[in-house]
Amino acid sequence: MEGPRKLALKVAERARDFLRSKFLDESYLKVVEEHKSDVSRKIDLEVEDLIIKTLREEGFKGGIVTEEKGVVGEGPPYAVVDPLDGSLNYAVGSPHWAVSVAIAEGEDFSTLVASAVCPGFGHPCYSASDKAYSGEGEVIPGAPEKVLVFYGEPEDERQSKYLVELRKLLGRPKVRVPGAIALDMVNVARGKLLALVDVRNKIRNVDVAGAYLIIKRAGVPVPEVYESFPTDEVSVVGNLFFGRDERVLSALLSSASKLGLWQGDPDNVQARAGRFLP
């Protein structure tokens, strides 16, 4: 599946380069649409248009599922796109943002065949097909850090209690809130994070599709229910849990289940199969 991976990479790289060229340009940060919980800026719409244009120019004839426009065209196949992961970071001048593109043959995550995540600065592009790649080489886990990335609402009693529980369970790791979920997932794939959790019940499929195949092909265990996330529409997929290994993931899910933050089976995860998951 090198053709789809190269397509995802080309599209993500072109969008990343465009975003770099407009970084810190205030004229592109104008709010043009307001939504219930966030806003769309000029930069969001323009980079999305660029991605759609590039996919069509490169011969992609399927449906394009993206944050602002919803579904453009008909699939399968589908390209599932987050044009600017970490858009608020981008707006305030933080370099922690990325572009995500995933290609699926069918209507859920189990049919993902290729993806790319291109961070704004400081990293190569990451991609996946049958393997997970960092630049042109395979993703090789680096020295781990004792860090928990946690997204939750401080006012929510269950979410706050869960964070306290996790810090006890995981040996009091340092907690960070970087603000770009796909890039956080890539850092799990790189072996740098102990765990990544989002319990705000607002994560959408477009936020995670690009990084999902990378994290899976890098051998990180994933709850099997994630395989059923849709690729044919923009959809909220709920809370998100990733751990460095099966022991950590099981602890995350078991604790979340007791607080009603996870309804699945804590033991129902895709186990490792050598380096990479099948």
C-alpha atoms as a PDB file:
ATOM      1  CA  MET A   1       0.000   0.000   0.000  1.00  0.00           C
ATOM      2  CA  GLU A   2       2.865   2.388  -0.769  1.00  0.00           C
ATOM      3  CA  GLY A   3       0.730   4.333  -3.253  1.00  0.00           C
ATOM      4  CA  PRO A   4      -1.818   5.455  -0.628  1.00  0.00           C
ATOM      5  CA  ARG A   5       0.943   6.193   1.916  1.00  0.00           C
ATOM      6  CA  LYS A   6       2.812   8.375  -0.555  1.00  0.00           C
ATOM      7  CA  LEU A   7      -0.434  10.156  -1.403  1.00  0.00           C
ATOM      8  CA  ALA A   8      -1.186  10.849   2.262  1.00  0.00           C
ATOM      9  CA  LEU A   9       2.379  12.079   2.774  1.00  0.00           C
ATOM     10  CA  LYS A  10       2.326  14.364  -0.249  1.00  0.00           C
ATOM     11  CA  VAL A  11      -0.971  15.938   0.774  1.00  0.00           C
ATOM     12  CA  ALA A  12       0.042  16.386   4.425  1.00  0.00           C
ATOM     13  CA  GLU A  13       3.460  17.802   3.525  1.00  0.00           C
ATOM     14  CA  ARG A  14       1.978  20.341   1.123  1.00  0.00           C
ATOM     15  CA  ALA A  15      -0.545  21.474   3.732  1.00  0.00           C
ATOM     16  CA  ARG A  16       2.158  21.612   6.425  1.00  0.00           C
ATOM     17  CA  ASP A  17       4.344  23.793   4.199  1.00  0.00           C
ATOM     18  CA  PHE A  18       1.440  26.164   3.535  1.00  0.00           C
ATOM     19  CA  LEU A  19       0.715  26.439   7.262  1.00  0.00           C
ATOM     20  CA  ARG A  20       4.372  27.152   7.970  1.00  0.00           C
ATOM     21  CA  SER A  21       4.350  29.956   5.404  1.00  0.00           C
ATOM     22  CA  LYS A  22       1.423  31.658   7.185  1.00  0.00           C
ATOM     23  CA  PHE A  23       2.517  30.967  10.770  1.00  0.00           C
ATOM     24  CA  LEU A  24       2.294  34.122  12.948  1.00  0.00           C
ATOM     25  CA  ASP A  25       0.505  35.988  10.128  1.00  0.00           C
ATOM     26  CA  GLU A  26      -2.363  37.671  11.983  1.00  0.00           C
ATOM     27  CA  SER A  27      -4.384  38.176   8.803  1.00  0.00           C
ATOM     28  CA  TYR A  28      -4.959  34.400   8.627  1.00  0.00           C
ATOM     29  CA  LEU A  29      -6.205  34.152  12.215  1.00  0.00           C
ATOM     30  CA  LYS A  30      -9.432  36.064  11.658  1.00  0.00           C
ATOM     31  CA  VAL A  31     -12.466  34.154  12.967  1.00  0.00           C
ATOM     32  CA  VAL A  32     -14.857  33.510  10.072  1.00  0.00           C
ATOM     33  CA  GLU A  33     -17.251  31.001  11.663  1.00  0.00           C
ATOM     34  CA  GLU A  34     -18.336  30.338  15.254  1.00  0.00           C
ATOM     35  CA  HIS A  35     -19.438  26.905  16.447  1.00  0.00           C
ATOM     36  CA  LYS A  36     -20.823  25.627  19.728  1.00  0.00           C
ATOM     37  CA  SER A  37     -17.453  24.844  21.310  1.00  0.00           C
ATOM     38  CA  ASP A  38     -14.870  26.322  18.939  1.00  0.00           C
ATOM     39  CA  VAL A  39     -14.314  28.633  15.982  1.00  0.00           C
ATOM     40  CA  SER A  40     -13.063  28.421  12.401  1.00  0.00           C
ATOM     41  CA  ARG A  41     -10.408  30.826  11.252  1.00  0.00           C
ATOM     42  CA  LYS A  42      -9.369  31.871   7.779  1.00  0.00           C
ATOM     43  CA  ILE A  43      -6.339  29.575   8.001  1.00  0.00           C
ATOM     44  CA  ASP A  44      -8.544  26.541   8.805  1.00  0.00           C
ATOM     45  CA  LEU A  45     -10.670  27.030   5.699  1.00  0.00           C
ATOM     46  CA  GLU A  46      -7.782  27.777   3.357  1.00  0.00           C
ATOM     47  CA  VAL A  47      -5.668  24.779   4.356  1.00  0.00           C
ATOM     48  CA  GLU A  48      -8.722  22.534   4.096  1.00  0.00           C
ATOM     49  CA  ASP A  49      -9.387  23.812   0.566  1.00  0.00           C
ATOM     50  CA  LEU A  50      -5.736  23.164  -0.311  1.00  0.00           C
ATOM     51  CA  ILE A  51      -5.953  19.567   0.933  1.00  0.00           C
ATOM     52  CA  ILE A  52      -9.128  18.862  -1.043  1.00  0.00           C
ATOM     53  CA  LYS A  53      -7.591  20.411  -4.165  1.00  0.00           C
ATOM     54  CA  THR A  54      -4.369  18.410  -3.782  1.00  0.00           C
ATOM     55  CA  LEU A  55      -6.202  15.117  -3.276  1.00  0.00           C
ATOM     56  CA  ARG A  56      -8.197  15.690  -6.459  1.00  0.00           C
ATOM     57  CA  GLU A  57      -5.125  16.789  -8.419  1.00  0.00           C
ATOM     58  CA  GLU A  58      -3.393  13.577  -7.344  1.00  0.00           C
ATOM     59  CA  GLY A  59      -6.284  11.494  -8.674  1.00  0.00           C
ATOM     60  CA  PHE A  60      -8.138  10.634  -5.466  1.00  0.00           C
ATOM     61  CA  LYS A  61     -11.754  10.089  -6.515  1.00  0.00           C
ATOM     62  CA  GLY A  62     -13.339   8.974  -3.233  1.00  0.00           C
ATOM     63  CA  GLY A  63     -15.059  10.814  -0.412  1.00  0.00           C
ATOM     64  CA  ILE A  64     -13.088  13.382   1.571  1.00  0.00           C
ATOM     65  CA  VAL A  65     -14.126  13.581   5.228  1.00  0.00           C
ATOM     66  CA  THR A  66     -12.844  16.753   6.820  1.00  0.00           C
ATOM     67  CA  GLU A  67     -13.381  19.011   9.799  1.00  0.00           C
ATOM     68  CA  GLU A  68     -15.009  22.075   8.251  1.00  0.00           C
ATOM     69  CA  LYS A  69     -16.874  20.852   5.152  1.00  0.00           C
ATOM     70  CA  GLY A  70     -17.948  17.426   6.383  1.00  0.00           C
ATOM     71  CA  VAL A  71     -18.025  14.928   3.488  1.00  0.00           C
ATOM     72  CA  VAL A  72     -17.002  16.049   0.006  1.00  0.00           C
ATOM     73  CA  GLY A  73     -17.735  13.528  -2.748  1.00  0.00           C
ATOM     74  CA  GLU A  74     -18.642   9.881  -2.377  1.00  0.00           C
ATOM     75  CA  GLY A  75     -16.720   6.839  -1.223  1.00  0.00           C
ATOM     76  CA  PRO A  76     -15.351   4.376  -0.611  1.00  0.00           C
ATOM     77  CA  PRO A  77     -12.466   4.961  -0.554  1.00  0.00           C
ATOM     78  CA  TYR A  78     -12.334   7.796   1.955  1.00  0.00           C
ATOM     79  CA  ALA A  79      -9.687  10.332   2.904  1.00  0.00           C
ATOM     80  CA  VAL A  80     -10.157  11.333   6.550  1.00  0.00           C
ATOM     81  CA  VAL A  81      -8.497  14.669   7.192  1.00  0.00           C
ATOM     82  CA  ASP A  82      -7.672  17.016  10.054  1.00  0.00           C
ATOM     83  CA  PRO A  83      -6.236  20.043   8.210  1.00  0.00           C
ATOM     84  CA  LEU A  84      -4.868  21.651  11.378  1.00  0.00           C
ATOM     85  CA  ASP A  85      -4.589  19.568  14.532  1.00  0.00           C
ATOM     86  CA  GLY A  86      -3.820  22.012  17.328  1.00  0.00           C
ATOM     87  CA  SER A  87      -5.476  25.001  15.676  1.00  0.00           C
ATOM     88  CA  LEU A  88      -5.589  27.018  18.912  1.00  0.00           C
ATOM     89  CA  ASN A  89      -1.871  26.387  19.400  1.00  0.00           C
ATOM     90  CA  TYR A  90      -1.335  27.683  15.863  1.00  0.00           C
ATOM     91  CA  ALA A  91      -3.440  30.773  16.583  1.00  0.00           C
ATOM     92  CA  VAL A  92      -1.515  31.721  19.726  1.00  0.00           C
ATOM     93  CA  GLY A  93       1.882  31.113  18.123  1.00  0.00           C
ATOM     94  CA  SER A  94       2.732  27.750  19.678  1.00  0.00           C
ATOM     95  CA  PRO A  95       4.568  25.428  17.243  1.00  0.00           C
ATOM     96  CA  HIS A  96       2.836  22.266  18.549  1.00  0.00           C
ATOM     97  CA  TRP A  97       0.455  21.496  15.663  1.00  0.00           C
ATOM     98  CA  ALA A  98       0.212  19.051  12.772  1.00  0.00           C
ATOM     99  CA  VAL A  99      -1.638  18.010   9.617  1.00  0.00           C
ATOM    100  CA  SER A 100      -3.283  14.567   9.513  1.00  0.00           C
ATOM    101  CA  VAL A 101      -4.431  12.571   6.480  1.00  0.00           C
ATOM    102  CA  ALA A 102      -5.697   8.967   6.474  1.00  0.00           C
ATOM    103  CA  ILE A 103      -6.875   6.760   3.600  1.00  0.00           C
ATOM    104  CA  ALA A 104      -9.525   4.073   4.201  1.00  0.00           C
ATOM    105  CA  GLU A 105     -10.855   1.458   1.787  1.00  0.00           C
ATOM    106  CA  GLY A 106     -14.124   1.129   3.714  1.00  0.00           C
ATOM    107  CA  GLU A 107     -16.337   2.764   6.295  1.00  0.00           C
ATOM    108  CA  ASP A 108     -14.480   2.228   9.573  1.00  0.00           C
ATOM    109  CA  PHE A 109     -10.990   2.363  11.068  1.00  0.00           C
ATOM    110  CA  SER A 110     -10.419  -1.357  10.465  1.00  0.00           C
ATOM    111  CA  THR A 111     -10.146  -0.493   6.749  1.00  0.00           C
ATOM    112  CA  LEU A 112      -7.453   2.185   7.097  1.00  0.00           C
ATOM    113  CA  VAL A 113      -4.616   1.385   4.697  1.00  0.00           C
ATOM    114  CA  ALA A 114      -2.370   4.442   4.897  1.00  0.00           C
ATOM    115  CA  SER A 115      -1.896   7.661   6.817  1.00  0.00           C
ATOM    116  CA  ALA A 116       0.432  10.565   7.465  1.00  0.00           C
ATOM    117  CA  VAL A 117       0.904  13.081  10.266  1.00  0.00           C
ATOM    118  CA  CYS A 118       3.177  16.022   9.504  1.00  0.00           C
ATOM    119  CA  PRO A 119       4.067  18.125  12.564  1.00  0.00           C
ATOM    120  CA  GLY A 120       4.604  21.831  12.043  1.00  0.00           C
ATOM    121  CA  PHE A 121       8.195  22.025  13.267  1.00  0.00           C
ATOM    122  CA  GLY A 122      11.008  19.934  14.681  1.00  0.00           C
ATOM    123  CA  HIS A 123       9.873  16.492  13.493  1.00  0.00           C
ATOM    124  CA  PRO A 124       9.922  14.528  10.261  1.00  0.00           C
ATOM    125  CA  CYS A 125       6.567  13.493   8.847  1.00  0.00           C
ATOM    126  CA  TYR A 126       5.251  10.240  10.288  1.00  0.00           C
ATOM    127  CA  SER A 127       3.297   7.778   8.168  1.00  0.00           C
ATOM    128  CA  ALA A 128       1.976   4.237   8.047  1.00  0.00           C
ATOM    129  CA  SER A 129       0.902   1.500   5.677  1.00  0.00           C
ATOM    130  CA  ASP A 130       2.023  -2.018   6.582  1.00  0.00           C
ATOM    131  CA  LYS A 131       4.577  -0.462   8.964  1.00  0.00           C
ATOM    132  CA  ALA A 132       4.977   2.791  10.887  1.00  0.00           C
ATOM    133  CA  TYR A 133       7.506   5.245   9.489  1.00  0.00           C
ATOM    134  CA  SER A 134       9.413   8.227  10.826  1.00  0.00           C
ATOM    135  CA  GLY A 135      10.597  10.023   7.718  1.00  0.00           C
ATOM    136  CA  GLU A 136      11.802   7.195   5.468  1.00  0.00           C
ATOM    137  CA  GLY A 137      12.810   4.841   8.288  1.00  0.00           C
ATOM    138  CA  GLU A 138      10.709   2.713  10.618  1.00  0.00           C
ATOM    139  CA  VAL A 139       9.451   4.162  13.883  1.00  0.00           C
ATOM    140  CA  ILE A 140      11.820   2.917  16.585  1.00  0.00           C
ATOM    141  CA  PRO A 141      10.698   3.632  20.165  1.00  0.00           C
ATOM    142  CA  GLY A 142      13.091   5.939  21.985  1.00  0.00           C
ATOM    143  CA  ALA A 143      13.928   6.295  25.665  1.00  0.00           C
ATOM    144  CA  PRO A 144      10.606   6.572  27.524  1.00  0.00           C
ATOM    145  CA  GLU A 145       9.660   9.492  29.741  1.00  0.00           C
ATOM    146  CA  LYS A 146       7.334   9.266  32.731  1.00  0.00           C
ATOM    147  CA  VAL A 147       4.725  11.595  31.237  1.00  0.00           C
ATOM    148  CA  LEU A 148       0.922  11.397  31.170  1.00  0.00           C
ATOM    149  CA  VAL A 149      -0.876  13.550  28.603  1.00  0.00           C
ATOM    150  CA  PHE A 150      -4.335  14.175  30.042  1.00  0.00           C
ATOM    151  CA  TYR A 151      -7.273  16.112  28.622  1.00  0.00           C
ATOM    152  CA  GLY A 152     -10.199  16.657  30.976  1.00  0.00           C
ATOM    153  CA  GLU A 153     -12.467  19.328  32.419  1.00  0.00           C
ATOM    154  CA  PRO A 154     -11.313  20.463  35.899  1.00  0.00           C
ATOM    155  CA  GLU A 155     -14.908  21.208  36.921  1.00  0.00           C
ATOM    156  CA  ASP A 156     -16.031  17.645  36.181  1.00  0.00           C
ATOM    157  CA  GLU A 157     -15.790  15.634  39.402  1.00  0.00           C
ATOM    158  CA  ARG A 158     -15.364  12.228  37.722  1.00  0.00           C
ATOM    159  CA  GLN A 159     -12.689  13.477  35.351  1.00  0.00           C
ATOM    160  CA  SER A 160     -10.745  15.175  38.134  1.00  0.00           C
ATOM    161  CA  LYS A 161     -11.005  12.069  40.313  1.00  0.00           C
ATOM    162  CA  TYR A 162      -9.784   9.955  37.401  1.00  0.00           C
ATOM    163  CA  LEU A 163      -6.679  12.101  37.007  1.00  0.00           C
ATOM    164  CA  VAL A 164      -5.881  11.709  40.704  1.00  0.00           C
ATOM    165  CA  GLU A 165      -6.383   7.927  40.416  1.00  0.00           C
ATOM    166  CA  LEU A 166      -4.156   7.684  37.359  1.00  0.00           C
ATOM    167  CA  ARG A 167      -1.317   9.526  39.015  1.00  0.00           C
ATOM    168  CA  LYS A 168      -1.439   6.996  41.863  1.00  0.00           C
ATOM    169  CA  LEU A 169      -1.696   3.993  39.531  1.00  0.00           C
ATOM    170  CA  LEU A 170       1.093   5.144  37.226  1.00  0.00           C
ATOM    171  CA  GLY A 171       3.597   6.204  39.871  1.00  0.00           C
ATOM    172  CA  ARG A 172       2.932   9.951  39.865  1.00  0.00           C
ATOM    173  CA  PRO A 173       3.967  10.823  36.304  1.00  0.00           C
ATOM    174  CA  LYS A 174       4.266  14.427  35.186  1.00  0.00           C
ATOM    175  CA  VAL A 175       1.067  15.656  33.508  1.00  0.00           C
ATOM    176  CA  ARG A 176       1.001  17.662  30.296  1.00  0.00           C
ATOM    177  CA  VAL A 177      -1.749  19.150  28.078  1.00  0.00           C
ATOM    178  CA  PRO A 178      -0.005  19.853  24.742  1.00  0.00           C
ATOM    179  CA  GLY A 179      -3.142  20.576  22.690  1.00  0.00           C
ATOM    180  CA  ALA A 180      -2.649  18.511  19.510  1.00  0.00           C
ATOM    181  CA  ILE A 181      -4.062  15.003  19.893  1.00  0.00           C
ATOM    182  CA  ALA A 182      -2.620  13.465  16.702  1.00  0.00           C
ATOM    183  CA  LEU A 183       0.861  14.649  17.599  1.00  0.00           C
ATOM    184  CA  ASP A 184       0.381  13.272  21.111  1.00  0.00           C
ATOM    185  CA  MET A 185      -0.570   9.904  19.608  1.00  0.00           C
ATOM    186  CA  VAL A 186       2.570   9.950  17.474  1.00  0.00           C
ATOM    187  CA  ASN A 187       4.598  10.512  20.641  1.00  0.00           C
ATOM    188  CA  VAL A 188       2.980   7.401  22.142  1.00  0.00           C
ATOM    189  CA  ALA A 189       3.997   5.500  18.997  1.00  0.00           C
ATOM    190  CA  ARG A 190       7.539   6.830  19.456  1.00  0.00           C
ATOM    191  CA  GLY A 191       7.587   5.375  22.965  1.00  0.00           C
ATOM    192  CA  LYS A 192       8.032   8.786  24.584  1.00  0.00           C
ATOM    193  CA  LEU A 193       4.814   8.952  26.639  1.00  0.00           C
ATOM    194  CA  LEU A 194       3.613   6.670  29.406  1.00  0.00           C
ATOM    195  CA  ALA A 195      -0.035   7.284  28.545  1.00  0.00           C
ATOM    196  CA  LEU A 196      -2.444   9.525  26.649  1.00  0.00           C
ATOM    197  CA  VAL A 197      -6.000  10.081  27.889  1.00  0.00           C
ATOM    198  CA  ASP A 198      -8.853  12.331  26.744  1.00  0.00           C
ATOM    199  CA  VAL A 199     -12.070  12.050  28.778  1.00  0.00           C
ATOM    200  CA  ARG A 200     -13.910  15.163  27.524  1.00  0.00           C
ATOM    201  CA  ASN A 201     -16.145  13.041  25.262  1.00  0.00           C
ATOM    202  CA  LYS A 202     -15.483  15.358  22.323  1.00  0.00           C
ATOM    203  CA  ILE A 203     -12.775  13.652  20.254  1.00  0.00           C
ATOM    204  CA  ARG A 204     -13.860  13.109  16.637  1.00  0.00           C
ATOM    205  CA  ASN A 205     -12.732  10.562  14.109  1.00  0.00           C
ATOM    206  CA  VAL A 206     -11.033  13.244  11.989  1.00  0.00           C
ATOM    207  CA  ASP A 207      -8.874  14.190  14.992  1.00  0.00           C
ATOM    208  CA  VAL A 208      -7.343  10.739  15.348  1.00  0.00           C
ATOM    209  CA  ALA A 209      -7.583   8.834  12.038  1.00  0.00           C
ATOM    210  CA  GLY A 210      -4.195   9.955  10.720  1.00  0.00           C
ATOM    211  CA  ALA A 211      -2.317   8.983  13.875  1.00  0.00           C
ATOM    212  CA  TYR A 212      -4.350   5.844  14.591  1.00  0.00           C
ATOM    213  CA  LEU A 213      -2.739   3.667  11.939  1.00  0.00           C
ATOM    214  CA  ILE A 214       0.710   4.921  12.967  1.00  0.00           C
ATOM    215  CA  ILE A 215       0.153   4.038  16.609  1.00  0.00           C
ATOM    216  CA  LYS A 216      -1.291   0.652  15.641  1.00  0.00           C
ATOM    217  CA  ARG A 217       1.499  -0.285  13.247  1.00  0.00           C
ATOM    218  CA  ALA A 218       4.107   0.796  15.800  1.00  0.00           C
ATOM    219  CA  GLY A 219       2.878  -2.022  18.040  1.00  0.00           C
ATOM    220  CA  VAL A 220       0.968   0.030  20.599  1.00  0.00           C
ATOM    221  CA  PRO A 221      -2.013  -1.937  22.001  1.00  0.00           C
ATOM    222  CA  VAL A 222      -5.398  -0.398  21.193  1.00  0.00           C
ATOM    223  CA  PRO A 223      -8.943  -1.120  22.426  1.00  0.00           C
ATOM    224  CA  GLU A 224     -10.689  -3.173  19.748  1.00  0.00           C
ATOM    225  CA  VAL A 225     -13.708  -0.869  19.742  1.00  0.00           C
ATOM    226  CA  TYR A 226     -11.560   1.807  18.077  1.00  0.00           C
ATOM    227  CA  GLU A 227     -11.571  -0.332  14.932  1.00  0.00           C
ATOM    228  CA  SER A 228     -15.273   0.517  14.497  1.00  0.00           C
ATOM    229  CA  PHE A 229     -14.766   4.298  14.447  1.00  0.00           C
ATOM    230  CA  PRO A 230     -16.349   5.579  11.197  1.00  0.00           C
ATOM    231  CA  THR A 231     -14.458   6.882   8.195  1.00  0.00           C
ATOM    232  CA  ASP A 232     -17.461   7.903   6.067  1.00  0.00           C
ATOM    233  CA  GLU A 233     -18.655  10.873   8.147  1.00  0.00           C
ATOM    234  CA  VAL A 234     -17.482  13.346  10.773  1.00  0.00           C
ATOM    235  CA  SER A 235     -18.390  11.794  14.109  1.00  0.00           C
ATOM    236  CA  VAL A 236     -17.654  12.190  17.821  1.00  0.00           C
ATOM    237  CA  VAL A 237     -16.034   8.931  18.927  1.00  0.00           C
ATOM    238  CA  GLY A 238     -15.907   9.656  22.659  1.00  0.00           C
ATOM    239  CA  ASN A 239     -13.149   9.222  25.205  1.00  0.00           C
ATOM    240  CA  LEU A 240      -9.681   8.107  24.188  1.00  0.00           C
ATOM    241  CA  PHE A 241      -7.125   5.934  25.989  1.00  0.00           C
ATOM    242  CA  PHE A 242      -3.629   4.872  24.913  1.00  0.00           C
ATOM    243  CA  GLY A 243      -0.912   3.307  27.056  1.00  0.00           C
ATOM    244  CA  ARG A 244       2.707   2.489  26.349  1.00  0.00           C
ATOM    245  CA  ASP A 245       1.995  -1.222  26.816  1.00  0.00           C
ATOM    246  CA  GLU A 246      -0.865  -3.594  27.633  1.00  0.00           C
ATOM    247  CA  ARG A 247      -0.333  -3.287  31.388  1.00  0.00           C
ATOM    248  CA  VAL A 248      -0.646   0.498  31.293  1.00  0.00           C
ATOM    249  CA  LEU A 249      -3.637   0.426  28.931  1.00  0.00           C
ATOM    250  CA  SER A 250      -5.437  -2.110  31.123  1.00  0.00           C
ATOM    251  CA  ALA A 251      -4.908   0.139  34.159  1.00  0.00           C
ATOM    252  CA  LEU A 252      -6.262   3.149  32.256  1.00  0.00           C
ATOM    253  CA  LEU A 253      -9.396   1.319  31.123  1.00  0.00           C
ATOM    254  CA  SER A 254     -10.088  -0.457  34.410  1.00  0.00           C
ATOM    255  CA  SER A 255      -9.941   2.766  36.398  1.00  0.00           C
ATOM    256  CA  ALA A 256     -12.021   4.632  33.795  1.00  0.00           C
ATOM    257  CA  SER A 257     -14.611   1.868  33.801  1.00  0.00           C
ATOM    258  CA  LYS A 258     -15.147   2.177  37.566  1.00  0.00           C
ATOM    259  CA  LEU A 259     -15.899   5.885  37.140  1.00  0.00           C
ATOM    260  CA  GLY A 260     -18.201   5.410  34.166  1.00  0.00           C
ATOM    261  CA  LEU A 261     -15.727   6.963  31.734  1.00  0.00           C
ATOM    262  CA  TRP A 262     -15.298   3.758  29.717  1.00  0.00           C
ATOM    263  CA  GLN A 263     -18.036   1.316  28.783  1.00  0.00           C
ATOM    264  CA  GLY A 264     -15.933  -1.305  27.026  1.00  0.00           C
ATOM    265  CA  ASP A 265     -14.101  -4.381  28.287  1.00  0.00           C
ATOM    266  CA  PRO A 266     -10.772  -3.321  29.899  1.00  0.00           C
ATOM    267  CA  ASP A 267      -9.206  -6.576  28.689  1.00  0.00           C
ATOM    268  CA  ASN A 268     -10.532  -6.376  25.118  1.00  0.00           C
ATOM    269  CA  VAL A 269      -7.474  -4.899  23.415  1.00  0.00           C
ATOM    270  CA  GLN A 270      -5.453  -5.822  20.369  1.00  0.00           C
ATOM    271  CA  ALA A 271      -2.311  -7.416  21.734  1.00  0.00           C
ATOM    272  CA  ARG A 272       1.116  -7.086  20.239  1.00  0.00           C
ATOM    273  CA  ALA A 273       2.113  -9.419  17.448  1.00  0.00           C
ATOM    274  CA  GLY A 274       5.873  -9.093  17.231  1.00  0.00           C
ATOM    275  CA  ARG A 275       6.864  -5.529  16.337  1.00  0.00           C
ATOM    276  CA  PHE A 276       3.657  -4.635  14.546  1.00  0.00           C
ATOM    277  CA  LEU A 277      -0.023  -5.367  14.939  1.00  0.00           C
ATOM    278  CA  PRO A 278      -1.623  -7.384  12.126  1.00  0.00           C
END
